[in-house]
């Protein structure tokens, strides 16, 4: 019997407008009525998570920054796993010569090297690549873009992070050239104490080896007293792989998931644009989840 539902945000709970639909909100309310615990597990930091979810007044726990931070239903921080200083410095040395953009993610903000205009241009490039192929004016008017811009602080160099003693949870690397991302990933494979994941083929998300969604989720639900077979997990990209590849009771891929995700999940629901989250929750609540089984 499922007692906990865990979902990724972008590409899973959120639609292509990066919003929680009415159908998904109704599905979440049905979980509450059945006393089923609801957990958000996302690559975003807490502030970026709440900028999208706060208006909905959801009662949920949070696994944020790809597993680097865990918060309870009152938003109290229970666990933080920042990147080791030595690993951080090693990564910086190795990516120095590559033509990529990088953001350094703390518990509150993302930090990017460059002027406000340079950072804004790189975010527009990312937005156009990831979720909206429109004009610069159109992109700048998007609520999702405004949120991302608000959560980025410009720095002159990483020395600013060292000087202010800012703990980094994640390094986000982006390139339009996917071969460069593959090359960087390969070059970082022997850096001790880190793990790489990605939400798209054009980005890398680097965290402490213990800061993974799957590890954080397993530890947290066991701390709460739940068994793995009582947990349903939904996701779509490779930064969800560590959760979806574990033997939780129901691992559910979105129809828009990467192929590697579909291969490890037990079930598959509709895409995030077709209310896939709400559809899977309804199937589970009606004891019809087996209709979605793929392996």
C-alpha atoms as a PDB file:
ATOM      1  CA  UNK A   1       0.000   0.000   0.000  1.00  0.00           C
ATOM      2  CA  UNK A   2       1.386   3.407  -1.001  1.00  0.00           C
ATOM      3  CA  UNK A   3       1.780   5.783   1.956  1.00  0.00           C
ATOM      4  CA  UNK A   4       4.207   8.307   0.433  1.00  0.00           C
ATOM      5  CA  UNK A   5       4.200  10.012  -2.989  1.00  0.00           C
ATOM      6  CA  UNK A   6       7.414  11.698  -4.134  1.00  0.00           C
ATOM      7  CA  UNK A   7       7.670  13.810  -7.266  1.00  0.00           C
ATOM      8  CA  UNK A   8      10.243  15.752  -9.229  1.00  0.00           C
ATOM      9  CA  UNK A   9       9.154  19.237 -10.313  1.00  0.00           C
ATOM     10  CA  UNK A  10      10.341  20.302 -13.780  1.00  0.00           C
ATOM     11  CA  UNK A  11       9.119  17.919 -16.464  1.00  0.00           C
ATOM     12  CA  UNK A  12       7.066  15.946 -13.940  1.00  0.00           C
ATOM     13  CA  UNK A  13       4.771  17.838 -11.559  1.00  0.00           C
ATOM     14  CA  UNK A  14       5.028  21.091 -13.526  1.00  0.00           C
ATOM     15  CA  UNK A  15       3.639  21.566 -17.024  1.00  0.00           C
ATOM     16  CA  UNK A  16       5.530  23.218 -19.891  1.00  0.00           C
ATOM     17  CA  UNK A  17       4.635  26.635 -18.467  1.00  0.00           C
ATOM     18  CA  UNK A  18       6.420  25.562 -15.263  1.00  0.00           C
ATOM     19  CA  UNK A  19       3.153  25.691 -13.344  1.00  0.00           C
ATOM     20  CA  UNK A  20       1.230  23.238 -11.169  1.00  0.00           C
ATOM     21  CA  UNK A  21      -2.029  22.561 -13.015  1.00  0.00           C
ATOM     22  CA  UNK A  22      -5.451  22.462 -11.379  1.00  0.00           C
ATOM     23  CA  UNK A  23      -5.635  18.716 -12.020  1.00  0.00           C
ATOM     24  CA  UNK A  24      -2.334  18.191 -10.190  1.00  0.00           C
ATOM     25  CA  UNK A  25      -3.444  20.377  -7.271  1.00  0.00           C
ATOM     26  CA  UNK A  26      -6.644  18.338  -7.002  1.00  0.00           C
ATOM     27  CA  UNK A  27      -4.627  15.110  -7.052  1.00  0.00           C
ATOM     28  CA  UNK A  28      -2.425  16.414  -4.222  1.00  0.00           C
ATOM     29  CA  UNK A  29      -5.517  17.285  -2.171  1.00  0.00           C
ATOM     30  CA  UNK A  30      -6.750  13.718  -2.645  1.00  0.00           C
ATOM     31  CA  UNK A  31      -3.438  12.461  -1.267  1.00  0.00           C
ATOM     32  CA  UNK A  32      -3.920  14.609   1.826  1.00  0.00           C
ATOM     33  CA  UNK A  33      -7.428  13.230   2.356  1.00  0.00           C
ATOM     34  CA  UNK A  34      -6.016   9.706   2.286  1.00  0.00           C
ATOM     35  CA  UNK A  35      -3.239  10.692   4.752  1.00  0.00           C
ATOM     36  CA  UNK A  36      -0.608   9.979   2.108  1.00  0.00           C
ATOM     37  CA  UNK A  37       2.584  11.944   2.691  1.00  0.00           C
ATOM     38  CA  UNK A  38       3.677  14.197  -0.178  1.00  0.00           C
ATOM     39  CA  UNK A  39       7.343  14.978  -0.886  1.00  0.00           C
ATOM     40  CA  UNK A  40       8.896  17.302  -3.483  1.00  0.00           C
ATOM     41  CA  UNK A  41      12.306  16.176  -4.779  1.00  0.00           C
ATOM     42  CA  UNK A  42      13.972  18.666  -7.102  1.00  0.00           C
ATOM     43  CA  UNK A  43      17.264  19.932  -8.462  1.00  0.00           C
ATOM     44  CA  UNK A  44      16.238  23.482  -7.544  1.00  0.00           C
ATOM     45  CA  UNK A  45      17.419  25.070  -4.315  1.00  0.00           C
ATOM     46  CA  UNK A  46      14.779  25.792  -1.679  1.00  0.00           C
ATOM     47  CA  UNK A  47      14.237  29.431  -2.622  1.00  0.00           C
ATOM     48  CA  UNK A  48      13.751  28.540  -6.291  1.00  0.00           C
ATOM     49  CA  UNK A  49      11.379  25.751  -5.303  1.00  0.00           C
ATOM     50  CA  UNK A  50       9.222  28.012  -3.172  1.00  0.00           C
ATOM     51  CA  UNK A  51       9.042  30.751  -5.805  1.00  0.00           C
ATOM     52  CA  UNK A  52       6.907  28.323  -7.818  1.00  0.00           C
ATOM     53  CA  UNK A  53       5.095  26.413  -5.064  1.00  0.00           C
ATOM     54  CA  UNK A  54       4.568  28.890  -2.224  1.00  0.00           C
ATOM     55  CA  UNK A  55       1.297  30.289  -3.567  1.00  0.00           C
ATOM     56  CA  UNK A  56      -0.283  26.828  -3.441  1.00  0.00           C
ATOM     57  CA  UNK A  57       0.254  26.355   0.320  1.00  0.00           C
ATOM     58  CA  UNK A  58       1.255  22.734  -0.097  1.00  0.00           C
ATOM     59  CA  UNK A  59       1.898  20.619   2.970  1.00  0.00           C
ATOM     60  CA  UNK A  60       4.977  18.683   1.947  1.00  0.00           C
ATOM     61  CA  UNK A  61       8.551  17.785   2.715  1.00  0.00           C
ATOM     62  CA  UNK A  62      11.363  18.978   0.452  1.00  0.00           C
ATOM     63  CA  UNK A  63      14.436  17.289  -0.969  1.00  0.00           C
ATOM     64  CA  UNK A  64      16.145  20.135  -2.822  1.00  0.00           C
ATOM     65  CA  UNK A  65      19.400  20.865  -4.660  1.00  0.00           C
ATOM     66  CA  UNK A  66      19.366  17.310  -6.057  1.00  0.00           C
ATOM     67  CA  UNK A  67      19.506  15.797  -2.573  1.00  0.00           C
ATOM     68  CA  UNK A  68      21.938  18.221  -0.928  1.00  0.00           C
ATOM     69  CA  UNK A  69      19.280  19.539   1.461  1.00  0.00           C
ATOM     70  CA  UNK A  70      16.259  17.978   3.185  1.00  0.00           C
ATOM     71  CA  UNK A  71      13.478  19.967   4.881  1.00  0.00           C
ATOM     72  CA  UNK A  72      10.420  18.776   6.780  1.00  0.00           C
ATOM     73  CA  UNK A  73       6.813  19.910   6.370  1.00  0.00           C
ATOM     74  CA  UNK A  74       7.536  23.023   8.436  1.00  0.00           C
ATOM     75  CA  UNK A  75      10.479  23.815   6.126  1.00  0.00           C
ATOM     76  CA  UNK A  76      12.960  23.120   8.930  1.00  0.00           C
ATOM     77  CA  UNK A  77      16.369  22.097   7.577  1.00  0.00           C
ATOM     78  CA  UNK A  78      17.119  18.515   8.621  1.00  0.00           C
ATOM     79  CA  UNK A  79      20.167  17.768   6.507  1.00  0.00           C
ATOM     80  CA  UNK A  80      22.674  19.616   4.341  1.00  0.00           C
ATOM     81  CA  UNK A  81      25.443  18.084   2.222  1.00  0.00           C
ATOM     82  CA  UNK A  82      27.598  20.813   0.651  1.00  0.00           C
ATOM     83  CA  UNK A  83      30.424  20.029  -1.743  1.00  0.00           C
ATOM     84  CA  UNK A  84      33.852  19.437  -0.204  1.00  0.00           C
ATOM     85  CA  UNK A  85      36.269  22.335  -0.656  1.00  0.00           C
ATOM     86  CA  UNK A  86      38.914  20.129  -2.292  1.00  0.00           C
ATOM     87  CA  UNK A  87      36.409  18.651  -4.764  1.00  0.00           C
ATOM     88  CA  UNK A  88      35.114  22.122  -5.616  1.00  0.00           C
ATOM     89  CA  UNK A  89      38.613  23.411  -6.362  1.00  0.00           C
ATOM     90  CA  UNK A  90      39.462  20.311  -8.420  1.00  0.00           C
ATOM     91  CA  UNK A  91      36.348  20.771 -10.572  1.00  0.00           C
ATOM     92  CA  UNK A  92      37.143  24.448 -11.158  1.00  0.00           C
ATOM     93  CA  UNK A  93      40.626  23.560 -12.367  1.00  0.00           C
ATOM     94  CA  UNK A  94      39.331  20.939 -14.791  1.00  0.00           C
ATOM     95  CA  UNK A  95      36.528  22.952 -16.413  1.00  0.00           C
ATOM     96  CA  UNK A  96      38.603  26.134 -16.733  1.00  0.00           C
ATOM     97  CA  UNK A  97      39.457  25.676 -20.403  1.00  0.00           C
ATOM     98  CA  UNK A  98      36.033  24.590 -21.642  1.00  0.00           C
ATOM     99  CA  UNK A  99      33.643  27.037 -23.421  1.00  0.00           C
ATOM    100  CA  UNK A 100      30.757  26.574 -20.983  1.00  0.00           C
ATOM    101  CA  UNK A 101      28.723  28.609 -18.527  1.00  0.00           C
ATOM    102  CA  UNK A 102      28.661  27.567 -14.893  1.00  0.00           C
ATOM    103  CA  UNK A 103      26.527  28.445 -11.903  1.00  0.00           C
ATOM    104  CA  UNK A 104      27.447  27.716  -8.316  1.00  0.00           C
ATOM    105  CA  UNK A 105      24.366  26.849  -6.287  1.00  0.00           C
ATOM    106  CA  UNK A 106      24.062  27.520  -2.556  1.00  0.00           C
ATOM    107  CA  UNK A 107      21.060  26.957  -0.308  1.00  0.00           C
ATOM    108  CA  UNK A 108      19.574  30.336  -1.258  1.00  0.00           C
ATOM    109  CA  UNK A 109      21.060  31.588  -4.523  1.00  0.00           C
ATOM    110  CA  UNK A 110      22.887  30.594  -7.680  1.00  0.00           C
ATOM    111  CA  UNK A 111      26.127  32.486  -8.298  1.00  0.00           C
ATOM    112  CA  UNK A 112      27.461  33.214 -11.786  1.00  0.00           C
ATOM    113  CA  UNK A 113      30.667  34.899 -12.903  1.00  0.00           C
ATOM    114  CA  UNK A 114      30.160  38.006 -15.037  1.00  0.00           C
ATOM    115  CA  UNK A 115      28.249  41.267 -15.290  1.00  0.00           C
ATOM    116  CA  UNK A 116      24.471  41.389 -14.896  1.00  0.00           C
ATOM    117  CA  UNK A 117      24.105  41.699 -18.663  1.00  0.00           C
ATOM    118  CA  UNK A 118      26.421  38.742 -19.353  1.00  0.00           C
ATOM    119  CA  UNK A 119      24.636  36.526 -16.846  1.00  0.00           C
ATOM    120  CA  UNK A 120      21.258  37.568 -18.227  1.00  0.00           C
ATOM    121  CA  UNK A 121      22.374  36.674 -21.761  1.00  0.00           C
ATOM    122  CA  UNK A 122      23.550  33.233 -20.642  1.00  0.00           C
ATOM    123  CA  UNK A 123      20.219  32.599 -18.890  1.00  0.00           C
ATOM    124  CA  UNK A 124      18.336  33.621 -22.035  1.00  0.00           C
ATOM    125  CA  UNK A 125      20.463  31.166 -24.008  1.00  0.00           C
ATOM    126  CA  UNK A 126      19.629  28.407 -21.504  1.00  0.00           C
ATOM    127  CA  UNK A 127      15.935  29.283 -21.532  1.00  0.00           C
ATOM    128  CA  UNK A 128      15.830  29.168 -25.317  1.00  0.00           C
ATOM    129  CA  UNK A 129      17.597  25.809 -25.280  1.00  0.00           C
ATOM    130  CA  UNK A 130      15.640  24.180 -22.455  1.00  0.00           C
ATOM    131  CA  UNK A 131      12.071  25.376 -22.470  1.00  0.00           C
ATOM    132  CA  UNK A 132      11.147  28.271 -24.775  1.00  0.00           C
ATOM    133  CA  UNK A 133      12.373  28.949 -28.293  1.00  0.00           C
ATOM    134  CA  UNK A 134      11.107  32.508 -28.599  1.00  0.00           C
ATOM    135  CA  UNK A 135      12.367  36.059 -28.919  1.00  0.00           C
ATOM    136  CA  UNK A 136      14.471  37.639 -26.194  1.00  0.00           C
ATOM    137  CA  UNK A 137      11.579  39.939 -25.302  1.00  0.00           C
ATOM    138  CA  UNK A 138       9.183  36.997 -24.949  1.00  0.00           C
ATOM    139  CA  UNK A 139      11.638  35.053 -22.801  1.00  0.00           C
ATOM    140  CA  UNK A 140      12.271  38.022 -20.504  1.00  0.00           C
ATOM    141  CA  UNK A 141       8.515  38.349 -19.913  1.00  0.00           C
ATOM    142  CA  UNK A 142       8.130  34.730 -18.758  1.00  0.00           C
ATOM    143  CA  UNK A 143       7.495  34.331 -14.989  1.00  0.00           C
ATOM    144  CA  UNK A 144       9.824  31.320 -14.928  1.00  0.00           C
ATOM    145  CA  UNK A 145      12.653  33.360 -16.453  1.00  0.00           C
ATOM    146  CA  UNK A 146      12.092  36.252 -14.054  1.00  0.00           C
ATOM    147  CA  UNK A 147      12.265  33.823 -11.136  1.00  0.00           C
ATOM    148  CA  UNK A 148      15.536  32.337 -12.370  1.00  0.00           C
ATOM    149  CA  UNK A 149      17.053  35.769 -12.891  1.00  0.00           C
ATOM    150  CA  UNK A 150      16.007  36.863  -9.391  1.00  0.00           C
ATOM    151  CA  UNK A 151      17.758  33.855  -7.888  1.00  0.00           C
ATOM    152  CA  UNK A 152      21.123  34.474  -9.555  1.00  0.00           C
ATOM    153  CA  UNK A 153      23.765  36.709  -8.003  1.00  0.00           C
ATOM    154  CA  UNK A 154      26.645  38.009 -10.121  1.00  0.00           C
ATOM    155  CA  UNK A 155      30.216  37.629  -8.871  1.00  0.00           C
ATOM    156  CA  UNK A 156      33.567  38.719 -10.283  1.00  0.00           C
ATOM    157  CA  UNK A 157      35.273  35.390  -9.593  1.00  0.00           C
ATOM    158  CA  UNK A 158      34.988  32.311  -7.384  1.00  0.00           C
ATOM    159  CA  UNK A 159      37.217  34.202  -4.969  1.00  0.00           C
ATOM    160  CA  UNK A 160      34.042  36.064  -3.928  1.00  0.00           C
ATOM    161  CA  UNK A 161      32.554  32.744  -2.795  1.00  0.00           C
ATOM    162  CA  UNK A 162      35.697  31.840  -0.867  1.00  0.00           C
ATOM    163  CA  UNK A 163      35.870  35.292   0.747  1.00  0.00           C
ATOM    164  CA  UNK A 164      32.265  35.108   1.974  1.00  0.00           C
ATOM    165  CA  UNK A 165      32.640  31.452   3.002  1.00  0.00           C
ATOM    166  CA  UNK A 166      29.607  30.390   0.946  1.00  0.00           C
ATOM    167  CA  UNK A 167      28.874  26.659   0.936  1.00  0.00           C
ATOM    168  CA  UNK A 168      28.189  25.292  -2.538  1.00  0.00           C
ATOM    169  CA  UNK A 169      25.709  22.450  -2.935  1.00  0.00           C
ATOM    170  CA  UNK A 170      25.863  22.048  -6.674  1.00  0.00           C
ATOM    171  CA  UNK A 171      27.756  23.194  -9.762  1.00  0.00           C
ATOM    172  CA  UNK A 172      25.511  23.547 -12.817  1.00  0.00           C
ATOM    173  CA  UNK A 173      27.341  23.460 -16.164  1.00  0.00           C
ATOM    174  CA  UNK A 174      25.703  24.269 -19.510  1.00  0.00           C
ATOM    175  CA  UNK A 175      26.782  24.097 -23.145  1.00  0.00           C
ATOM    176  CA  UNK A 176      24.781  24.018 -26.349  1.00  0.00           C
ATOM    177  CA  UNK A 177      27.361  21.544 -27.628  1.00  0.00           C
ATOM    178  CA  UNK A 178      26.428  18.207 -26.056  1.00  0.00           C
ATOM    179  CA  UNK A 179      29.808  16.706 -26.982  1.00  0.00           C
ATOM    180  CA  UNK A 180      31.494  19.239 -24.691  1.00  0.00           C
ATOM    181  CA  UNK A 181      29.256  18.156 -21.815  1.00  0.00           C
ATOM    182  CA  UNK A 182      30.219  14.532 -22.451  1.00  0.00           C
ATOM    183  CA  UNK A 183      33.898  15.487 -22.541  1.00  0.00           C
ATOM    184  CA  UNK A 184      33.640  17.383 -19.256  1.00  0.00           C
ATOM    185  CA  UNK A 185      31.746  14.537 -17.612  1.00  0.00           C
ATOM    186  CA  UNK A 186      34.489  12.139 -18.667  1.00  0.00           C
ATOM    187  CA  UNK A 187      37.240  14.460 -17.449  1.00  0.00           C
ATOM    188  CA  UNK A 188      35.578  14.709 -14.019  1.00  0.00           C
ATOM    189  CA  UNK A 189      35.007  10.972 -13.590  1.00  0.00           C
ATOM    190  CA  UNK A 190      37.936  10.541 -11.206  1.00  0.00           C
ATOM    191  CA  UNK A 191      37.264  13.578  -8.993  1.00  0.00           C
ATOM    192  CA  UNK A 192      36.852  12.145  -5.518  1.00  0.00           C
ATOM    193  CA  UNK A 193      33.656  12.670  -3.573  1.00  0.00           C
ATOM    194  CA  UNK A 194      31.390  13.976  -6.337  1.00  0.00           C
ATOM    195  CA  UNK A 195      28.660  12.582  -8.562  1.00  0.00           C
ATOM    196  CA  UNK A 196      27.300  13.941 -11.838  1.00  0.00           C
ATOM    197  CA  UNK A 197      23.722  13.923 -13.064  1.00  0.00           C
ATOM    198  CA  UNK A 198      21.802  15.834 -15.713  1.00  0.00           C
ATOM    199  CA  UNK A 199      18.317  17.054 -16.515  1.00  0.00           C
ATOM    200  CA  UNK A 200      19.185  17.420 -20.227  1.00  0.00           C
ATOM    201  CA  UNK A 201      21.995  16.188 -22.488  1.00  0.00           C
ATOM    202  CA  UNK A 202      23.318  19.753 -22.573  1.00  0.00           C
ATOM    203  CA  UNK A 203      23.930  20.191 -18.859  1.00  0.00           C
ATOM    204  CA  UNK A 204      25.751  18.645 -15.927  1.00  0.00           C
ATOM    205  CA  UNK A 205      24.805  18.887 -12.250  1.00  0.00           C
ATOM    206  CA  UNK A 206      27.706  18.123  -9.917  1.00  0.00           C
ATOM    207  CA  UNK A 207      27.123  17.440  -6.215  1.00  0.00           C
ATOM    208  CA  UNK A 208      28.734  15.713  -3.239  1.00  0.00           C
ATOM    209  CA  UNK A 209      28.534  11.955  -3.724  1.00  0.00           C
ATOM    210  CA  UNK A 210      26.044  11.702  -0.839  1.00  0.00           C
ATOM    211  CA  UNK A 211      23.912  14.541  -2.211  1.00  0.00           C
ATOM    212  CA  UNK A 212      21.722  12.468  -4.513  1.00  0.00           C
ATOM    213  CA  UNK A 213      17.946  12.374  -4.627  1.00  0.00           C
ATOM    214  CA  UNK A 214      17.822   8.608  -4.136  1.00  0.00           C
ATOM    215  CA  UNK A 215      20.135   8.533  -1.126  1.00  0.00           C
ATOM    216  CA  UNK A 216      18.376  11.488   0.515  1.00  0.00           C
ATOM    217  CA  UNK A 217      14.926  10.008  -0.096  1.00  0.00           C
ATOM    218  CA  UNK A 218      15.761   6.532   1.220  1.00  0.00           C
ATOM    219  CA  UNK A 219      17.318   7.953   4.393  1.00  0.00           C
ATOM    220  CA  UNK A 220      14.417  10.335   4.966  1.00  0.00           C
ATOM    221  CA  UNK A 221      11.535   7.910   4.511  1.00  0.00           C
ATOM    222  CA  UNK A 222      13.283   5.385   6.766  1.00  0.00           C
ATOM    223  CA  UNK A 223      13.743   8.111   9.378  1.00  0.00           C
ATOM    224  CA  UNK A 224       9.991   8.802   9.138  1.00  0.00           C
ATOM    225  CA  UNK A 225       9.245   5.106   9.648  1.00  0.00           C
ATOM    226  CA  UNK A 226       8.129   4.119   6.146  1.00  0.00           C
ATOM    227  CA  UNK A 227       9.264   1.095   4.145  1.00  0.00           C
ATOM    228  CA  UNK A 228      10.547   1.413   0.581  1.00  0.00           C
ATOM    229  CA  UNK A 229       7.619  -0.591  -0.803  1.00  0.00           C
ATOM    230  CA  UNK A 230       5.234   2.059   0.583  1.00  0.00           C
ATOM    231  CA  UNK A 231       6.719   4.791  -1.611  1.00  0.00           C
ATOM    232  CA  UNK A 232       5.681   5.940  -5.098  1.00  0.00           C
ATOM    233  CA  UNK A 233       8.238   8.067  -6.989  1.00  0.00           C
ATOM    234  CA  UNK A 234       7.693  10.062 -10.208  1.00  0.00           C
ATOM    235  CA  UNK A 235      10.377  11.646 -12.402  1.00  0.00           C
ATOM    236  CA  UNK A 236      11.593  12.261 -15.932  1.00  0.00           C
ATOM    237  CA  UNK A 237      15.318  13.014 -16.189  1.00  0.00           C
ATOM    238  CA  UNK A 238      18.721  11.693 -15.206  1.00  0.00           C
ATOM    239  CA  UNK A 239      18.838  13.694 -11.997  1.00  0.00           C
ATOM    240  CA  UNK A 240      15.900  11.486 -10.936  1.00  0.00           C
ATOM    241  CA  UNK A 241      17.762   8.293 -11.826  1.00  0.00           C
ATOM    242  CA  UNK A 242      19.128   7.697  -8.323  1.00  0.00           C
ATOM    243  CA  UNK A 243      15.526   7.594  -7.001  1.00  0.00           C
ATOM    244  CA  UNK A 244      13.860   5.750  -9.838  1.00  0.00           C
ATOM    245  CA  UNK A 245      16.509   3.037 -10.049  1.00  0.00           C
ATOM    246  CA  UNK A 246      15.963   2.105  -6.400  1.00  0.00           C
ATOM    247  CA  UNK A 247      13.478  -0.591  -5.454  1.00  0.00           C
ATOM    248  CA  UNK A 248      10.694   1.667  -4.209  1.00  0.00           C
ATOM    249  CA  UNK A 249       7.156   0.311  -4.344  1.00  0.00           C
ATOM    250  CA  UNK A 250       6.198   2.200  -7.508  1.00  0.00           C
ATOM    251  CA  UNK A 251       8.707   3.991  -9.734  1.00  0.00           C
ATOM    252  CA  UNK A 252       6.875   5.972 -12.404  1.00  0.00           C
ATOM    253  CA  UNK A 253       8.386   7.506 -15.541  1.00  0.00           C
ATOM    254  CA  UNK A 254       6.673  10.335 -17.370  1.00  0.00           C
ATOM    255  CA  UNK A 255       5.965   9.733 -21.056  1.00  0.00           C
ATOM    256  CA  UNK A 256       8.337  12.653 -21.746  1.00  0.00           C
ATOM    257  CA  UNK A 257      11.131  10.944 -19.785  1.00  0.00           C
ATOM    258  CA  UNK A 258      14.596  10.188 -21.095  1.00  0.00           C
ATOM    259  CA  UNK A 259      14.922   6.621 -22.375  1.00  0.00           C
ATOM    260  CA  UNK A 260      17.311   5.651 -19.560  1.00  0.00           C
ATOM    261  CA  UNK A 261      14.587   6.574 -17.073  1.00  0.00           C
ATOM    262  CA  UNK A 262      11.914   4.534 -18.842  1.00  0.00           C
ATOM    263  CA  UNK A 263      14.219   1.513 -18.766  1.00  0.00           C
ATOM    264  CA  UNK A 264      14.510   1.469 -14.957  1.00  0.00           C
ATOM    265  CA  UNK A 265      10.929   2.380 -13.986  1.00  0.00           C
ATOM    266  CA  UNK A 266       8.189  -0.126 -13.225  1.00  0.00           C
ATOM    267  CA  UNK A 267       5.397   2.106 -14.536  1.00  0.00           C
ATOM    268  CA  UNK A 268       4.883   4.893 -17.066  1.00  0.00           C
ATOM    269  CA  UNK A 269       2.252   7.619 -16.999  1.00  0.00           C
ATOM    270  CA  UNK A 270       1.273  10.314 -19.493  1.00  0.00           C
ATOM    271  CA  UNK A 271       3.528  13.299 -20.191  1.00  0.00           C
ATOM    272  CA  UNK A 272       3.674  16.353 -17.955  1.00  0.00           C
ATOM    273  CA  UNK A 273       1.705  18.227 -20.627  1.00  0.00           C
ATOM    274  CA  UNK A 274      -1.047  15.599 -20.467  1.00  0.00           C
ATOM    275  CA  UNK A 275      -1.496  15.734 -16.675  1.00  0.00           C
ATOM    276  CA  UNK A 276       0.718  12.688 -16.176  1.00  0.00           C
ATOM    277  CA  UNK A 277       1.251  13.338 -12.466  1.00  0.00           C
ATOM    278  CA  UNK A 278      -2.476  13.594 -11.734  1.00  0.00           C
ATOM    279  CA  UNK A 279      -3.189  10.585 -13.958  1.00  0.00           C
ATOM    280  CA  UNK A 280      -0.716   8.364 -12.094  1.00  0.00           C
ATOM    281  CA  UNK A 281      -1.983   9.490  -8.682  1.00  0.00           C
ATOM    282  CA  UNK A 282      -5.581   8.744  -9.697  1.00  0.00           C
ATOM    283  CA  UNK A 283      -4.570   5.288 -10.924  1.00  0.00           C
ATOM    284  CA  UNK A 284      -2.785   4.593  -7.644  1.00  0.00           C
ATOM    285  CA  UNK A 285      -5.686   5.804  -5.491  1.00  0.00           C
ATOM    286  CA  UNK A 286      -8.128   3.670  -7.512  1.00  0.00           C
ATOM    287  CA  UNK A 287      -5.899   0.563  -7.250  1.00  0.00           C
ATOM    288  CA  UNK A 288      -5.404   0.675 -11.030  1.00  0.00           C
ATOM    289  CA  UNK A 289      -1.669   1.389 -11.136  1.00  0.00           C
ATOM    290  CA  UNK A 290      -0.977  -1.998 -12.732  1.00  0.00           C
ATOM    291  CA  UNK A 291      -2.560  -0.646 -15.915  1.00  0.00           C
ATOM    292  CA  UNK A 292       0.539   1.556 -16.254  1.00  0.00           C
ATOM    293  CA  UNK A 293       3.104  -1.217 -15.702  1.00  0.00           C
ATOM    294  CA  UNK A 294       5.913  -1.410 -18.261  1.00  0.00           C
ATOM    295  CA  UNK A 295       8.184  -3.943 -16.571  1.00  0.00           C
END
